[in-house]
Amino acid sequence: MELTERASGGPTALPAGAANAIAVGLGVLGDEWSLLILRAAYRGASRFGEFQDLLGISAASLTGRLSRLTDEQMLGRRIYQDKPIRAEYVLTDRGRAAWPILLAIWDWERTWVTGRDVALPTIIHRSCGRAFRPRVTCVECGEHVGPGVVKSKWGPAGGWARSVPETTTRRRSTGSDGRTQQFPETMAIFGNRWSAVVIGAAFQGVDRFSQFHSVLGVPTNLLAERLRVLVELGFLTHDGDAVDARPGYHLTEKGRAFFPVVILTLQWAQRWYRSPEGPALEWLHRDHATIARLDCDRCLQPLEAADVALGDEA
């Protein structure tokens, strides 16, 4: 049957002068249940009971997230039975386009987050048959890119005031069956609006409390709390400056390794949400604009969703 509710066609037009693609996109993805529902959909789930069985999510939480993902055109709602009405939820082009973000999150959490009851499985590239790690490649020139190599600058719809995510803290502790978080530290960033912009500012070179406060407009008490949490999680290191002894905040190796999640998320957001003034952020590598993709680090070939499996599924 035909889709009965909005499925993604082109990008969503945002109001002039309002929250930009960064704010809106992070607001959509800043919820762990939504990310897990999308991952379940990539694995073939489409019906309400299938999502519940895979995720252990309550009916109320699942209903709310399916509604939000449908409204945001990540999923399309399709009626497969009339009496009584039964619907299934299928990935749209917009939803399918987010899979590299989830792959990057999975790899980063598996590599950098410790203390899990059960380790995340390895990921297998079916085309070469090997366990791999995804790496970010510039589509234009084919080079591997990372923080410091790719530069960013604000576009016409940019600026920190318009880029603060439209979300509050939305982290879950356990599912209805007692399952723990799968992406706990990613959600410490995506699930908190101020953490997201603090990390974004750190990638742009902001490193002093006064600078964070000035460019972001974060209340000082909230900024101090967010910086404390990010230092405790190992995203940032906090040290003194040799000249004036004022404390500085710098991305750690773990923090820099979060770069694939950042660039892929912002690239996805700007593909599917458009401000009339133009892009919010522009990425440059050498002398050209950067479009990022994920390659297999073993065979160096571009990754496709159908070619990637968890170790226990391969």
Protein backbone atom coordinates (compact mmCIF):
# COMPACT_ATOMS: atom_id res chain seq x y z
CA MET A 1 0.00 0.00 0.00
CA GLU A 2 1.03 3.62 -0.41
CA LEU A 3 2.60 5.59 2.38
CA THR A 4 -0.16 7.34 4.27
CA GLU A 5 1.95 9.93 6.11
CA ARG A 6 4.75 12.22 5.03
CA ALA A 7 7.74 10.48 3.54
CA SER A 8 10.85 12.43 2.68
CA GLY A 9 11.01 14.05 -0.71
CA GLY A 10 13.31 17.04 -0.83
CA PRO A 11 14.90 18.96 2.02
CA THR A 12 12.79 20.70 4.63
CA ALA A 13 12.73 24.48 4.22
CA LEU A 14 13.49 26.31 7.47
CA PRO A 15 12.19 29.80 8.30
CA ALA A 16 14.52 32.70 7.59
CA GLY A 17 16.43 33.85 10.64
CA ALA A 18 15.32 30.87 12.71
CA ALA A 19 17.22 27.86 14.05
CA ASN A 20 19.51 26.53 11.33
CA ALA A 21 20.17 23.01 10.03
CA ILE A 22 22.67 22.27 12.80
CA ALA A 23 20.18 23.06 15.55
CA VAL A 24 17.31 21.21 13.90
CA GLY A 25 19.34 18.17 12.85
CA LEU A 26 20.90 17.69 16.29
CA GLY A 27 17.45 18.10 17.80
CA VAL A 28 16.20 15.20 15.68
CA LEU A 29 19.16 12.90 16.40
CA GLY A 30 19.70 13.90 20.04
CA ASP A 31 17.66 11.01 21.43
CA GLU A 32 19.04 7.52 21.92
CA TRP A 33 15.72 5.73 21.44
CA SER A 34 15.32 7.43 18.06
CA LEU A 35 18.80 6.30 17.00
CA LEU A 36 18.09 2.74 18.14
CA ILE A 37 14.76 2.70 16.27
CA LEU A 38 16.57 3.79 13.11
CA ARG A 39 19.19 1.07 13.62
CA ALA A 40 16.44 -1.51 14.10
CA ALA A 41 14.81 -0.29 10.87
CA TYR A 42 18.12 -0.77 9.03
CA ARG A 43 18.11 -4.35 10.32
CA GLY A 44 14.66 -4.95 8.86
CA ALA A 45 12.21 -4.06 11.64
CA SER A 46 9.12 -2.21 10.45
CA ARG A 47 6.22 -3.14 12.75
CA PHE A 48 5.48 -1.96 16.25
CA GLY A 49 5.97 -5.36 17.86
CA GLU A 50 9.26 -5.91 16.04
CA PHE A 51 10.69 -2.68 17.41
CA GLN A 52 9.55 -3.59 20.92
CA ASP A 53 11.06 -7.07 20.72
CA LEU A 54 14.40 -5.78 19.47
CA LEU A 55 14.70 -2.78 21.77
CA GLY A 56 12.76 -3.49 24.95
CA ILE A 57 11.16 -0.06 24.67
CA SER A 58 7.84 0.77 26.34
CA ALA A 59 4.77 1.19 24.16
CA ALA A 60 4.39 4.85 25.12
CA SER A 61 8.03 5.68 24.35
CA LEU A 62 7.92 3.80 21.06
CA THR A 63 4.69 5.51 19.98
CA GLY A 64 6.17 8.93 20.68
CA ARG A 65 9.43 8.24 18.85
CA LEU A 66 7.73 6.71 15.81
CA SER A 67 5.50 9.75 15.60
CA ARG A 68 8.49 12.11 15.83
CA LEU A 69 10.52 10.20 13.25
CA THR A 70 7.52 10.19 10.91
CA ASP A 71 6.96 13.92 11.39
CA GLU A 72 10.65 14.51 10.63
CA GLN A 73 10.37 12.36 7.48
CA MET A 74 12.91 9.81 8.70
CA LEU A 75 10.28 7.07 8.53
CA GLY A 76 7.21 6.71 6.38
CA ARG A 77 4.02 5.21 7.83
CA ARG A 78 2.36 2.58 5.63
CA ILE A 79 -0.99 0.91 6.33
CA TYR A 80 -0.78 -2.83 5.71
CA GLN A 81 -4.15 -3.82 7.27
CA ASP A 82 -7.45 -1.91 7.31
CA LYS A 83 -9.61 -3.73 9.87
CA PRO A 84 -8.29 -3.13 12.44
CA ILE A 85 -5.82 -0.59 11.11
CA ARG A 86 -2.24 -1.75 11.34
CA ALA A 87 0.73 0.25 10.14
CA GLU A 88 4.38 -0.37 9.51
CA TYR A 89 7.23 2.12 9.46
CA VAL A 90 9.74 2.13 6.63
CA LEU A 91 12.91 4.12 6.13
CA THR A 92 12.71 7.10 3.80
CA ASP A 93 15.61 8.48 1.80
CA ARG A 94 16.25 10.87 4.68
CA GLY A 95 16.27 8.04 7.19
CA ARG A 96 18.53 5.85 5.06
CA ALA A 97 20.96 8.74 4.61
CA ALA A 98 21.64 8.77 8.37
CA TRP A 99 23.16 5.27 8.50
CA PRO A 100 26.82 6.46 8.26
CA ILE A 101 26.23 8.49 11.42
CA LEU A 102 25.10 5.40 13.31
CA LEU A 103 28.06 3.44 11.97
CA ALA A 104 30.47 6.14 13.14
CA ILE A 105 28.76 6.25 16.57
CA TRP A 106 28.96 2.46 16.90
CA ASP A 107 32.67 2.44 16.03
CA TRP A 108 33.49 5.32 18.38
CA GLU A 109 31.55 3.86 21.31
CA ARG A 110 33.11 0.43 20.77
CA THR A 111 36.62 1.90 20.64
CA TRP A 112 36.52 4.57 23.33
CA VAL A 113 33.79 3.81 25.87
CA THR A 114 34.67 1.33 28.60
CA GLY A 115 32.79 -0.25 31.48
CA ARG A 116 30.02 -1.94 29.45
CA ASP A 117 28.38 -5.09 30.78
CA VAL A 118 28.58 -6.52 27.26
CA ALA A 119 31.03 -5.25 24.62
CA LEU A 120 29.65 -4.02 21.31
CA PRO A 121 30.33 -6.54 18.51
CA THR A 122 32.90 -5.85 15.82
CA ILE A 123 31.69 -4.67 12.43
CA ILE A 124 32.37 -6.67 9.29
CA HIS A 125 32.69 -5.40 5.72
CA ARG A 126 31.08 -8.14 3.68
CA SER A 127 32.81 -7.09 0.47
CA CYS A 128 36.29 -7.83 1.83
CA GLY A 129 35.18 -10.19 4.60
CA ARG A 130 37.18 -8.50 7.33
CA ALA A 131 36.52 -6.70 10.59
CA PHE A 132 37.15 -3.04 9.98
CA ARG A 133 36.94 0.50 11.27
CA PRO A 134 35.27 3.17 9.13
CA ARG A 135 37.37 6.14 8.18
CA VAL A 136 36.30 9.53 6.86
CA THR A 137 37.35 10.27 3.29
CA CYS A 138 36.98 13.43 1.22
CA VAL A 139 34.84 12.57 -1.80
CA GLU A 140 36.49 15.29 -3.90
CA CYS A 141 40.10 14.12 -3.62
CA GLY A 142 39.87 10.67 -2.00
CA GLU A 143 42.13 11.55 0.94
CA HIS A 144 41.55 10.45 4.52
CA VAL A 145 40.57 13.52 6.54
CA GLY A 146 40.26 14.40 10.20
CA PRO A 147 40.27 17.33 12.63
CA GLY A 148 42.96 19.85 11.80
CA VAL A 149 43.00 18.77 8.15
CA VAL A 150 39.43 19.86 7.43
CA LYS A 151 38.65 23.45 8.30
CA SER A 152 35.20 24.86 8.98
CA LYS A 153 33.76 28.33 8.68
CA TRP A 154 30.32 29.77 9.25
CA GLY A 155 28.03 30.09 6.26
CA PRO A 156 25.21 32.62 5.74
CA ALA A 157 22.88 30.82 8.18
CA GLY A 158 25.63 30.13 10.69
CA GLY A 159 26.52 31.51 14.07
CA TRP A 160 26.26 30.02 17.53
CA ALA A 161 22.95 31.67 18.42
CA ARG A 162 21.18 29.86 15.55
CA SER A 163 23.03 26.56 16.04
CA VAL A 164 22.03 25.60 19.60
CA PRO A 165 20.06 22.33 19.25
CA GLU A 166 16.33 22.47 19.82
CA THR A 167 16.40 19.80 22.49
CA THR A 168 16.73 19.30 26.19
CA THR A 169 18.62 16.48 27.88
CA ARG A 170 17.11 13.25 26.58
CA ARG A 171 19.11 10.32 27.84
CA ARG A 172 17.65 7.01 28.88
CA SER A 173 19.04 4.84 31.65
CA THR A 174 17.50 1.48 30.82
CA GLY A 175 14.83 0.00 28.62
CA SER A 176 11.65 -1.57 29.96
CA ASP A 177 13.49 -4.89 30.15
CA GLY A 178 16.48 -3.45 32.02
CA ARG A 179 18.78 -3.04 29.03
CA THR A 180 21.43 -0.37 29.52
CA GLN A 181 22.35 2.41 27.15
CA GLN A 182 24.17 1.40 23.97
CA PHE A 183 25.44 4.89 23.14
CA PRO A 184 25.91 6.48 26.59
CA GLU A 185 28.71 8.91 25.85
CA THR A 186 27.43 9.91 22.43
CA MET A 187 24.20 10.86 24.18
CA ALA A 188 26.20 12.88 26.69
CA ILE A 189 26.90 15.10 23.67
CA PHE A 190 23.88 14.75 21.38
CA GLY A 191 21.40 14.49 24.23
CA ASN A 192 22.38 17.78 25.84
CA ARG A 193 22.04 21.01 23.90
CA TRP A 194 24.91 22.78 25.65
CA SER A 195 27.34 19.87 25.47
CA ALA A 196 26.75 19.72 21.72
CA VAL A 197 27.67 23.36 21.15
CA VAL A 198 30.64 23.22 23.56
CA ILE A 199 32.14 20.31 21.59
CA GLY A 200 31.39 22.14 18.34
CA ALA A 201 33.21 25.20 19.63
CA ALA A 202 36.16 23.09 20.77
CA PHE A 203 36.50 21.69 17.23
CA GLN A 204 36.60 25.29 15.99
CA GLY A 205 39.50 26.12 18.34
CA VAL A 206 37.72 27.71 21.30
CA ASP A 207 39.62 26.68 24.43
CA ARG A 208 39.06 29.21 27.25
CA PHE A 209 36.13 29.47 29.63
CA SER A 210 35.73 33.14 28.76
CA GLN A 211 35.73 32.33 25.04
CA PHE A 212 33.12 29.60 25.42
CA HIS A 213 30.97 31.98 27.45
CA SER A 214 31.39 34.83 24.97
CA VAL A 215 30.73 32.97 21.70
CA LEU A 216 28.04 30.57 22.97
CA GLY A 217 26.11 32.75 25.38
CA VAL A 218 25.81 29.84 27.82
CA PRO A 219 24.98 30.82 31.42
CA THR A 220 28.19 30.50 33.44
CA ASN A 221 26.82 27.88 35.83
CA LEU A 222 25.67 25.66 32.96
CA LEU A 223 28.93 26.13 31.10
CA ALA A 224 30.97 25.19 34.15
CA GLU A 225 28.87 22.04 34.61
CA ARG A 226 29.12 21.01 30.97
CA LEU A 227 32.88 21.53 30.87
CA ARG A 228 33.24 19.52 34.08
CA VAL A 229 31.26 16.61 32.63
CA LEU A 230 33.18 16.68 29.34
CA VAL A 231 36.49 16.62 31.21
CA GLU A 232 35.28 13.71 33.38
CA LEU A 233 34.23 11.78 30.27
CA GLY A 234 37.60 12.37 28.66
CA PHE A 235 36.42 14.50 25.73
CA LEU A 236 38.38 17.49 26.97
CA THR A 237 41.46 18.01 29.07
CA HIS A 238 41.74 20.93 31.49
CA ASP A 239 45.11 22.54 32.09
CA GLY A 240 46.79 25.81 32.89
CA ASP A 241 48.38 28.16 30.40
CA ALA A 242 52.13 28.70 30.70
CA VAL A 243 51.81 32.48 30.31
CA ASP A 244 48.85 33.59 32.41
CA ALA A 245 47.91 30.37 34.21
CA ARG A 246 44.30 30.63 33.11
CA PRO A 247 42.72 27.21 32.59
CA GLY A 248 42.37 25.92 29.04
CA TYR A 249 40.12 23.20 27.63
CA HIS A 250 41.45 21.10 24.75
CA LEU A 251 40.15 18.11 22.85
CA THR A 252 41.77 14.85 23.90
CA GLU A 253 42.57 12.01 21.51
CA LYS A 254 39.20 10.55 22.46
CA GLY A 255 37.52 13.88 21.75
CA ARG A 256 39.24 14.28 18.38
CA ALA A 257 38.20 10.73 17.48
CA PHE A 258 34.58 11.93 17.69
CA PHE A 259 35.19 13.98 14.53
CA PRO A 260 33.55 11.45 12.12
CA VAL A 261 30.31 11.62 14.11
CA VAL A 262 30.43 15.42 14.06
CA ILE A 263 31.11 15.96 10.35
CA LEU A 264 28.70 13.25 9.18
CA THR A 265 25.92 14.54 11.41
CA LEU A 266 26.31 18.14 10.30
CA GLN A 267 26.62 17.10 6.67
CA TRP A 268 23.40 15.07 6.96
CA ALA A 269 21.62 17.95 8.70
CA GLN A 270 22.55 20.42 5.97
CA ARG A 271 21.49 17.99 3.26
CA TRP A 272 17.98 17.63 4.66
CA TYR A 273 17.27 21.00 6.33
CA ARG A 274 17.81 24.23 4.41
CA SER A 275 17.74 27.85 5.53
CA PRO A 276 16.90 30.35 2.77
CA GLU A 277 20.07 32.34 3.52
CA GLY A 278 22.31 29.38 2.64
CA PRO A 279 24.32 26.79 4.59
CA ALA A 280 25.08 27.13 8.28
CA LEU A 281 28.59 25.71 8.09
CA GLU A 282 31.08 25.11 5.30
CA TRP A 283 33.86 22.50 5.41
CA LEU A 284 37.07 23.00 3.44
CA HIS A 285 39.85 20.52 2.67
CA ARG A 286 42.85 22.04 0.94
CA ASP A 287 41.31 24.23 -1.77
CA HIS A 288 37.92 22.57 -2.14
CA ALA A 289 34.67 22.03 -0.29
CA THR A 290 34.55 18.78 1.64
CA ILE A 291 31.90 16.13 1.26
CA ALA A 292 32.64 13.28 3.65
CA ARG A 293 32.04 9.59 3.14
CA LEU A 294 33.04 6.49 5.09
CA ASP A 295 35.51 3.98 3.67
CA CYS A 296 36.62 0.59 4.97
CA ASP A 297 40.08 0.97 6.53
CA ARG A 298 41.06 -2.51 5.34
CA CYS A 299 40.18 -2.51 1.63
CA LEU A 300 39.79 1.30 1.32
CA GLN A 301 36.52 0.97 -0.57
CA PRO A 302 33.45 3.16 0.08
CA LEU A 303 31.03 1.60 2.54
CA GLU A 304 27.40 0.83 1.75
CA ALA A 305 24.80 -0.06 4.36
CA ALA A 306 24.01 -3.46 2.81
CA ASP A 307 27.71 -4.41 2.96
CA VAL A 308 28.11 -3.82 6.69
CA ALA A 309 27.20 -6.38 9.34
CA LEU A 310 27.77 -6.81 13.06
CA GLY A 311 30.19 -9.57 13.97
CA ASP A 312 27.38 -11.79 15.26
CA GLU A 313 25.38 -11.32 12.03
CA ALA A 314 28.06 -11.85 9.38
